N, C-alpha and C. Protein backbone atom coordinates (compact mmCIF):
# COMPACT_ATOMS: atom_id res chain seq x y z
N ALA A 1 125.28 108.04 96.24
CA ALA A 1 126.57 107.47 96.62
C ALA A 1 126.99 108.04 97.97
N ILE A 2 127.89 107.35 98.63
CA ILE A 2 128.32 107.74 99.96
C ILE A 2 129.00 109.11 99.96
N GLU A 3 129.59 109.52 98.85
CA GLU A 3 130.26 110.81 98.80
C GLU A 3 129.38 111.94 98.30
N ASP A 4 128.11 111.66 98.02
CA ASP A 4 127.19 112.72 97.62
C ASP A 4 126.66 113.40 98.87
N TRP A 5 126.76 114.72 98.89
CA TRP A 5 126.32 115.49 100.06
C TRP A 5 125.29 116.51 99.64
N PRO A 6 124.35 116.87 100.41
CA PRO A 6 124.00 116.22 101.68
C PRO A 6 123.43 114.83 101.44
N SER A 7 123.44 114.02 102.48
CA SER A 7 122.92 112.65 102.40
C SER A 7 121.74 112.50 103.35
N VAL A 8 120.67 111.90 102.84
CA VAL A 8 119.50 111.64 103.66
C VAL A 8 119.16 110.15 103.52
N PHE A 9 119.02 109.47 104.66
CA PHE A 9 118.72 108.05 104.68
C PHE A 9 117.44 107.83 105.48
N VAL A 10 116.57 106.97 104.98
CA VAL A 10 115.36 106.60 105.70
C VAL A 10 115.51 105.14 106.10
N LEU A 11 115.50 104.90 107.41
CA LEU A 11 115.78 103.57 107.93
C LEU A 11 114.62 103.07 108.79
N PRO A 12 113.88 102.07 108.32
CA PRO A 12 112.85 101.49 109.20
C PRO A 12 113.53 100.76 110.35
N GLN A 13 113.06 100.99 111.57
CA GLN A 13 113.69 100.40 112.74
C GLN A 13 112.97 99.15 113.24
N ARG A 14 111.63 99.21 113.28
CA ARG A 14 110.87 98.05 113.76
C ARG A 14 109.41 98.22 113.36
N ALA A 15 108.69 97.11 113.37
CA ALA A 15 107.24 97.12 113.14
C ALA A 15 106.60 96.56 114.39
N SER A 16 105.48 97.17 114.80
CA SER A 16 104.79 96.70 116.00
C SER A 16 103.31 96.99 115.88
N ASP A 17 102.55 96.54 116.85
CA ASP A 17 101.13 96.81 116.96
C ASP A 17 100.36 96.39 115.72
N PHE A 18 100.50 95.14 115.32
CA PHE A 18 99.72 94.61 114.20
C PHE A 18 98.29 94.40 114.69
N THR A 19 97.35 95.23 114.22
CA THR A 19 95.98 95.17 114.68
C THR A 19 95.05 94.96 113.50
N LEU A 20 94.22 93.92 113.57
CA LEU A 20 93.24 93.66 112.53
C LEU A 20 92.15 94.72 112.62
N VAL A 21 91.90 95.46 111.52
CA VAL A 21 90.90 96.52 111.54
C VAL A 21 89.71 96.24 110.63
N ASP A 22 89.87 95.34 109.66
CA ASP A 22 88.74 95.06 108.77
C ASP A 22 88.98 93.73 108.06
N VAL A 23 87.86 93.06 107.75
CA VAL A 23 87.89 91.86 106.93
C VAL A 23 87.08 92.18 105.69
N LEU A 24 87.69 91.98 104.54
CA LEU A 24 87.07 92.34 103.26
C LEU A 24 86.09 91.25 102.82
N PRO A 25 85.17 91.57 101.91
CA PRO A 25 84.20 90.58 101.44
C PRO A 25 84.84 89.32 100.85
N ASP A 26 86.03 89.45 100.26
CA ASP A 26 86.71 88.27 99.70
C ASP A 26 87.60 87.57 100.73
N ALA A 27 87.43 87.91 102.00
CA ALA A 27 88.16 87.33 103.14
C ALA A 27 89.58 87.89 103.28
N GLY A 28 89.94 88.89 102.48
CA GLY A 28 91.20 89.59 102.70
C GLY A 28 91.11 90.35 104.01
N GLN A 29 92.24 90.76 104.54
CA GLN A 29 92.26 91.44 105.84
C GLN A 29 93.05 92.74 105.75
N ILE A 30 92.61 93.73 106.51
CA ILE A 30 93.33 95.00 106.62
C ILE A 30 93.89 95.09 108.03
N TYR A 31 95.19 95.29 108.13
CA TYR A 31 95.86 95.44 109.41
C TYR A 31 96.39 96.86 109.54
N ARG A 32 96.37 97.39 110.75
CA ARG A 32 97.03 98.65 111.07
C ARG A 32 98.36 98.27 111.73
N VAL A 33 99.46 98.78 111.17
CA VAL A 33 100.80 98.44 111.64
C VAL A 33 101.55 99.74 111.94
N THR A 34 102.26 99.76 113.05
CA THR A 34 103.07 100.93 113.41
C THR A 34 104.53 100.62 113.13
N TYR A 35 105.16 101.46 112.34
CA TYR A 35 106.58 101.34 112.04
C TYR A 35 107.33 102.49 112.70
N ARG A 36 108.42 102.17 113.35
CA ARG A 36 109.33 103.20 113.86
C ARG A 36 110.33 103.46 112.75
N VAL A 37 110.44 104.72 112.32
CA VAL A 37 111.30 105.08 111.20
C VAL A 37 112.31 106.12 111.66
N GLN A 38 113.54 105.97 111.22
CA GLN A 38 114.58 106.94 111.51
C GLN A 38 115.03 107.57 110.20
N VAL A 39 115.07 108.90 110.18
CA VAL A 39 115.56 109.64 109.02
C VAL A 39 116.86 110.32 109.44
N LEU A 40 117.95 109.95 108.77
CA LEU A 40 119.27 110.53 109.07
C LEU A 40 119.65 111.49 107.96
N ALA A 41 120.12 112.66 108.34
CA ALA A 41 120.61 113.64 107.36
C ALA A 41 122.02 114.06 107.76
N TRP A 42 122.93 114.01 106.81
CA TRP A 42 124.31 114.45 107.03
C TRP A 42 124.62 115.57 106.05
N VAL A 43 125.20 116.63 106.56
CA VAL A 43 125.57 117.77 105.72
C VAL A 43 127.04 118.11 105.96
N ARG A 44 127.64 118.77 104.99
CA ARG A 44 128.99 119.28 105.19
C ARG A 44 129.12 120.60 104.46
N HIS A 45 130.05 121.41 104.94
CA HIS A 45 130.23 122.74 104.37
C HIS A 45 131.67 123.17 104.61
N THR A 46 132.18 123.99 103.72
CA THR A 46 133.55 124.50 103.89
C THR A 46 133.56 125.83 104.62
N GLY A 47 132.38 126.36 104.97
CA GLY A 47 132.28 127.69 105.57
C GLY A 47 132.42 127.73 107.07
N GLY A 48 132.73 126.62 107.71
CA GLY A 48 132.94 126.63 109.15
C GLY A 48 131.73 126.13 109.94
N TYR A 49 131.92 126.19 111.25
CA TYR A 49 130.94 125.64 112.19
C TYR A 49 129.54 126.21 111.98
N GLN A 50 129.41 127.52 111.98
CA GLN A 50 128.08 128.15 111.94
C GLN A 50 127.33 127.82 110.65
N HIS A 51 128.02 127.87 109.50
CA HIS A 51 127.37 127.55 108.23
C HIS A 51 126.89 126.10 108.21
N THR A 52 127.71 125.21 108.70
CA THR A 52 127.34 123.79 108.71
C THR A 52 126.17 123.56 109.67
N ASP A 53 126.22 124.19 110.82
CA ASP A 53 125.13 124.05 111.79
C ASP A 53 123.82 124.60 111.22
N ASP A 54 123.88 125.75 110.54
CA ASP A 54 122.68 126.33 109.92
C ASP A 54 122.12 125.40 108.84
N LEU A 55 123.01 124.83 108.03
CA LEU A 55 122.58 123.91 106.97
C LEU A 55 121.90 122.68 107.57
N ARG A 56 122.48 122.15 108.63
CA ARG A 56 121.89 120.99 109.31
C ARG A 56 120.50 121.33 109.84
N LYS A 57 120.34 122.49 110.44
CA LYS A 57 119.04 122.91 110.98
C LYS A 57 118.01 123.08 109.88
N ARG A 58 118.43 123.56 108.71
CA ARG A 58 117.51 123.68 107.58
C ARG A 58 117.03 122.30 107.12
N TYR A 59 117.94 121.34 107.08
CA TYR A 59 117.55 119.98 106.69
C TYR A 59 116.63 119.37 107.75
N ALA A 60 116.92 119.61 109.01
CA ALA A 60 116.06 119.09 110.08
C ALA A 60 114.65 119.65 109.93
N LEU A 61 114.54 120.94 109.64
CA LEU A 61 113.24 121.57 109.46
C LEU A 61 112.52 121.01 108.23
N ALA A 62 113.24 120.81 107.14
CA ALA A 62 112.63 120.26 105.92
C ALA A 62 112.11 118.86 106.16
N ILE A 63 112.89 118.04 106.87
CA ILE A 63 112.45 116.68 107.19
C ILE A 63 111.22 116.72 108.09
N ARG A 64 111.25 117.55 109.11
CA ARG A 64 110.11 117.68 110.03
C ARG A 64 108.85 118.10 109.28
N GLU A 65 108.98 119.11 108.42
CA GLU A 65 107.82 119.59 107.67
C GLU A 65 107.29 118.53 106.71
N ALA A 66 108.18 117.79 106.07
CA ALA A 66 107.75 116.73 105.16
C ALA A 66 106.99 115.63 105.92
N LEU A 67 107.48 115.28 107.10
CA LEU A 67 106.80 114.26 107.89
C LEU A 67 105.46 114.76 108.41
N LEU A 68 105.43 115.97 108.91
CA LEU A 68 104.19 116.49 109.49
C LEU A 68 103.14 116.83 108.44
N ALA A 69 103.52 116.82 107.17
CA ALA A 69 102.52 116.99 106.11
C ALA A 69 101.59 115.79 106.05
N ARG A 70 102.02 114.65 106.63
CA ARG A 70 101.20 113.43 106.65
C ARG A 70 100.69 113.13 108.06
N VAL A 71 100.50 114.16 108.86
CA VAL A 71 100.11 113.98 110.24
C VAL A 71 98.62 113.64 110.35
N SER A 72 98.28 112.95 111.40
CA SER A 72 96.89 112.68 111.72
C SER A 72 96.49 113.59 112.88
N LEU A 73 95.38 114.30 112.73
CA LEU A 73 94.93 115.17 113.80
C LEU A 73 94.20 114.39 114.88
N GLY A 74 93.78 113.20 114.56
CA GLY A 74 93.09 112.37 115.53
C GLY A 74 94.02 111.32 116.08
N ASP A 75 93.45 110.32 116.67
CA ASP A 75 94.21 109.20 117.20
C ASP A 75 94.64 108.32 116.04
N PRO A 76 95.95 108.17 115.78
CA PRO A 76 96.37 107.37 114.63
C PRO A 76 95.90 105.93 114.73
N ALA A 77 95.60 105.46 115.93
CA ALA A 77 95.12 104.10 116.09
C ALA A 77 93.73 103.93 115.49
N GLN A 78 92.99 105.02 115.34
CA GLN A 78 91.63 104.95 114.82
C GLN A 78 91.51 105.42 113.37
N VAL A 79 92.59 105.88 112.79
CA VAL A 79 92.53 106.44 111.45
C VAL A 79 92.66 105.31 110.43
N PRO A 80 91.71 105.18 109.51
CA PRO A 80 91.81 104.12 108.51
C PRO A 80 92.65 104.51 107.30
N ALA A 81 93.32 105.66 107.35
CA ALA A 81 94.12 106.11 106.21
C ALA A 81 95.23 105.11 105.92
N GLU A 82 95.78 105.21 104.73
CA GLU A 82 96.83 104.28 104.34
C GLU A 82 98.17 104.56 105.00
N PHE A 83 98.41 105.84 105.37
CA PHE A 83 99.73 106.22 105.87
C PHE A 83 99.59 107.53 106.64
N VAL A 84 99.87 107.50 107.93
CA VAL A 84 99.85 108.73 108.73
C VAL A 84 101.02 108.73 109.70
N ILE A 85 101.40 109.93 110.10
CA ILE A 85 102.45 110.12 111.09
C ILE A 85 101.80 110.31 112.45
N ALA A 86 102.36 109.71 113.48
CA ALA A 86 101.93 109.95 114.86
C ALA A 86 102.80 111.09 115.39
N PRO A 87 102.29 112.34 115.37
CA PRO A 87 103.15 113.50 115.66
C PRO A 87 103.74 113.50 117.06
N GLY A 88 103.07 112.91 118.03
CA GLY A 88 103.59 112.89 119.38
C GLY A 88 104.83 112.03 119.55
N THR A 89 105.16 111.25 118.52
CA THR A 89 106.33 110.37 118.61
C THR A 89 107.56 110.97 117.93
N LEU A 90 107.42 112.14 117.29
CA LEU A 90 108.53 112.74 116.55
C LEU A 90 109.61 113.21 117.53
N ALA A 91 110.85 112.83 117.27
CA ALA A 91 111.98 113.24 118.11
C ALA A 91 113.19 113.51 117.22
N GLU A 92 113.94 114.54 117.55
CA GLU A 92 115.15 114.88 116.79
C GLU A 92 116.37 114.84 117.70
N SER A 93 117.47 114.36 117.15
CA SER A 93 118.75 114.36 117.86
C SER A 93 119.80 114.94 116.92
N TYR A 94 120.69 115.73 117.50
CA TYR A 94 121.71 116.42 116.70
C TYR A 94 123.09 115.91 117.09
N SER A 95 123.94 115.70 116.06
CA SER A 95 125.32 115.31 116.32
C SER A 95 126.14 116.55 116.65
N ASP A 96 127.36 116.31 117.07
CA ASP A 96 128.32 117.42 117.17
C ASP A 96 128.68 117.85 115.75
N VAL A 97 129.16 119.06 115.60
CA VAL A 97 129.72 119.51 114.33
C VAL A 97 131.20 119.14 114.38
N ILE A 98 131.63 118.33 113.43
CA ILE A 98 133.01 117.84 113.46
C ILE A 98 133.77 118.34 112.24
N VAL A 99 135.09 118.37 112.35
CA VAL A 99 135.95 118.84 111.27
C VAL A 99 136.52 117.63 110.54
N ASP A 100 136.41 117.66 109.20
CA ASP A 100 136.96 116.60 108.34
C ASP A 100 137.78 117.30 107.26
N GLU A 101 139.09 117.28 107.40
CA GLU A 101 140.00 118.00 106.50
C GLU A 101 139.65 119.49 106.53
N SER A 102 139.21 120.04 105.41
CA SER A 102 138.91 121.47 105.37
C SER A 102 137.41 121.75 105.49
N ARG A 103 136.63 120.71 105.82
CA ARG A 103 135.18 120.87 105.89
C ARG A 103 134.69 120.58 107.29
N THR A 104 133.48 121.03 107.56
CA THR A 104 132.80 120.64 108.79
C THR A 104 131.59 119.79 108.40
N ILE A 105 131.30 118.81 109.25
CA ILE A 105 130.22 117.84 108.99
C ILE A 105 129.32 117.81 110.21
N ALA A 106 128.00 117.71 109.96
CA ALA A 106 127.05 117.62 111.05
C ALA A 106 125.88 116.74 110.60
N GLY A 107 125.21 116.15 111.57
CA GLY A 107 124.09 115.28 111.26
C GLY A 107 122.91 115.54 112.17
N VAL A 108 121.76 115.10 111.71
CA VAL A 108 120.54 115.14 112.50
C VAL A 108 119.80 113.82 112.29
N SER A 109 119.27 113.28 113.38
CA SER A 109 118.48 112.07 113.33
C SER A 109 117.06 112.41 113.76
N THR A 110 116.08 112.07 112.92
CA THR A 110 114.68 112.28 113.25
C THR A 110 114.01 110.92 113.31
N GLU A 111 113.34 110.64 114.42
CA GLU A 111 112.62 109.39 114.56
C GLU A 111 111.15 109.68 114.74
N VAL A 112 110.31 108.81 114.17
CA VAL A 112 108.86 109.01 114.25
C VAL A 112 108.17 107.67 114.02
N ASP A 113 106.98 107.53 114.59
CA ASP A 113 106.14 106.36 114.32
C ASP A 113 105.24 106.67 113.13
N VAL A 114 105.19 105.74 112.20
CA VAL A 114 104.35 105.84 111.02
C VAL A 114 103.30 104.74 111.12
N VAL A 115 102.04 105.12 111.01
CA VAL A 115 100.94 104.15 111.10
C VAL A 115 100.46 103.88 109.68
N VAL A 116 100.46 102.61 109.30
CA VAL A 116 100.17 102.21 107.93
C VAL A 116 99.04 101.19 107.93
N ALA A 117 98.14 101.32 106.96
CA ALA A 117 97.12 100.29 106.75
C ALA A 117 97.67 99.34 105.69
N GLU A 118 97.76 98.06 106.03
CA GLU A 118 98.31 97.07 105.11
C GLU A 118 97.26 96.01 104.83
N ALA A 119 97.11 95.69 103.55
CA ALA A 119 96.12 94.69 103.14
C ALA A 119 96.80 93.34 102.98
N LEU A 120 96.18 92.33 103.56
CA LEU A 120 96.63 90.95 103.39
C LEU A 120 95.65 90.30 102.42
N ALA A 121 96.15 89.85 101.29
CA ALA A 121 95.29 89.27 100.27
C ALA A 121 94.60 88.01 100.80
N THR A 122 93.54 87.65 100.12
CA THR A 122 92.81 86.45 100.47
C THR A 122 93.74 85.25 100.39
N VAL A 123 93.70 84.43 101.39
CA VAL A 123 94.52 83.23 101.42
C VAL A 123 93.75 82.11 100.72
N PRO A 124 94.35 81.44 99.76
CA PRO A 124 93.62 80.35 99.09
C PRO A 124 93.30 79.23 100.08
N THR A 125 92.17 78.62 99.87
CA THR A 125 91.76 77.54 100.76
C THR A 125 92.67 76.33 100.57
N LEU A 126 92.78 75.54 101.61
CA LEU A 126 93.62 74.35 101.56
C LEU A 126 92.83 73.11 101.16
N GLY A 127 91.55 73.24 101.02
CA GLY A 127 90.70 72.11 100.67
C GLY A 127 89.34 72.30 101.31
N THR A 128 88.59 71.25 101.39
CA THR A 128 87.26 71.33 101.99
C THR A 128 87.24 70.56 103.30
N VAL A 129 86.41 71.01 104.19
CA VAL A 129 86.26 70.34 105.47
C VAL A 129 85.19 69.27 105.32
N GLN A 130 85.50 68.10 105.76
CA GLN A 130 84.54 67.00 105.70
C GLN A 130 84.15 66.62 107.12
N GLN A 131 83.02 65.97 107.25
CA GLN A 131 82.56 65.51 108.55
C GLN A 131 83.55 64.49 109.09
N ALA A 132 84.02 64.75 110.26
CA ALA A 132 84.96 63.83 110.88
C ALA A 132 84.20 62.88 111.79
N THR A 133 84.61 61.68 111.81
CA THR A 133 84.01 60.72 112.73
C THR A 133 85.03 60.42 113.81
N ALA A 134 84.56 60.43 115.02
CA ALA A 134 85.46 60.18 116.15
C ALA A 134 85.13 58.83 116.76
N THR A 135 86.17 58.16 117.13
CA THR A 135 85.97 56.91 117.85
C THR A 135 86.44 57.12 119.28
N VAL A 136 85.72 56.54 120.19
CA VAL A 136 86.04 56.70 121.59
C VAL A 136 86.54 55.36 122.12
N ASP A 137 87.65 55.42 122.80
CA ASP A 137 88.19 54.22 123.42
C ASP A 137 87.46 54.04 124.74
N ALA A 138 86.64 53.02 124.81
CA ALA A 138 85.81 52.80 126.00
C ALA A 138 86.64 52.41 127.22
N SER A 139 87.88 52.04 127.04
CA SER A 139 88.68 51.63 128.18
C SER A 139 89.18 52.82 128.99
N LEU A 140 89.06 54.04 128.44
CA LEU A 140 89.49 55.22 129.16
C LEU A 140 88.40 55.67 130.14
N PRO A 141 88.77 56.04 131.36
CA PRO A 141 87.73 56.52 132.29
C PRO A 141 87.18 57.87 131.81
N GLN A 142 85.95 58.13 132.16
CA GLN A 142 85.32 59.39 131.77
C GLN A 142 85.93 60.53 132.60
N HIS A 143 86.10 61.67 131.96
CA HIS A 143 86.64 62.84 132.64
C HIS A 143 85.66 63.27 133.71
N PRO A 144 86.13 63.66 134.89
CA PRO A 144 85.22 64.03 135.99
C PRO A 144 84.31 65.21 135.68
N ALA A 145 84.71 66.10 134.77
CA ALA A 145 83.89 67.25 134.47
C ALA A 145 82.76 66.92 133.51
N LEU A 146 82.78 65.72 132.94
CA LEU A 146 81.73 65.35 131.96
C LEU A 146 80.54 64.70 132.61
């Protein structure tokens, strides 16, 4: 709930770089997709600025460590794993520590690219291809390149 503290939200921002990496024997396809993900953490404390700032930094560290546990040591573009973090894209931003009644509130935003392997199931066929017969209108002039 909105009043439960601390609050952590995971927000996908965009998907990009849809790259076909494999075609399965049943004609299914595996794509590598990069998602930009934002993780927001909000904390509050009644102990003042320093306590709230320390709590926020602990959450930032926990989020960072959780994300980097799924890091790829190689080029994420070449990794066939199902889910890896591109560590070079990790960025953190910190809010001001603000006062709300008798509490202080602070937030941290962590953004990172997540590389995911996604399977596209086999698409059912639409029918069979038959030999097509073409008719040529003889009244049309022949194309100069022919």
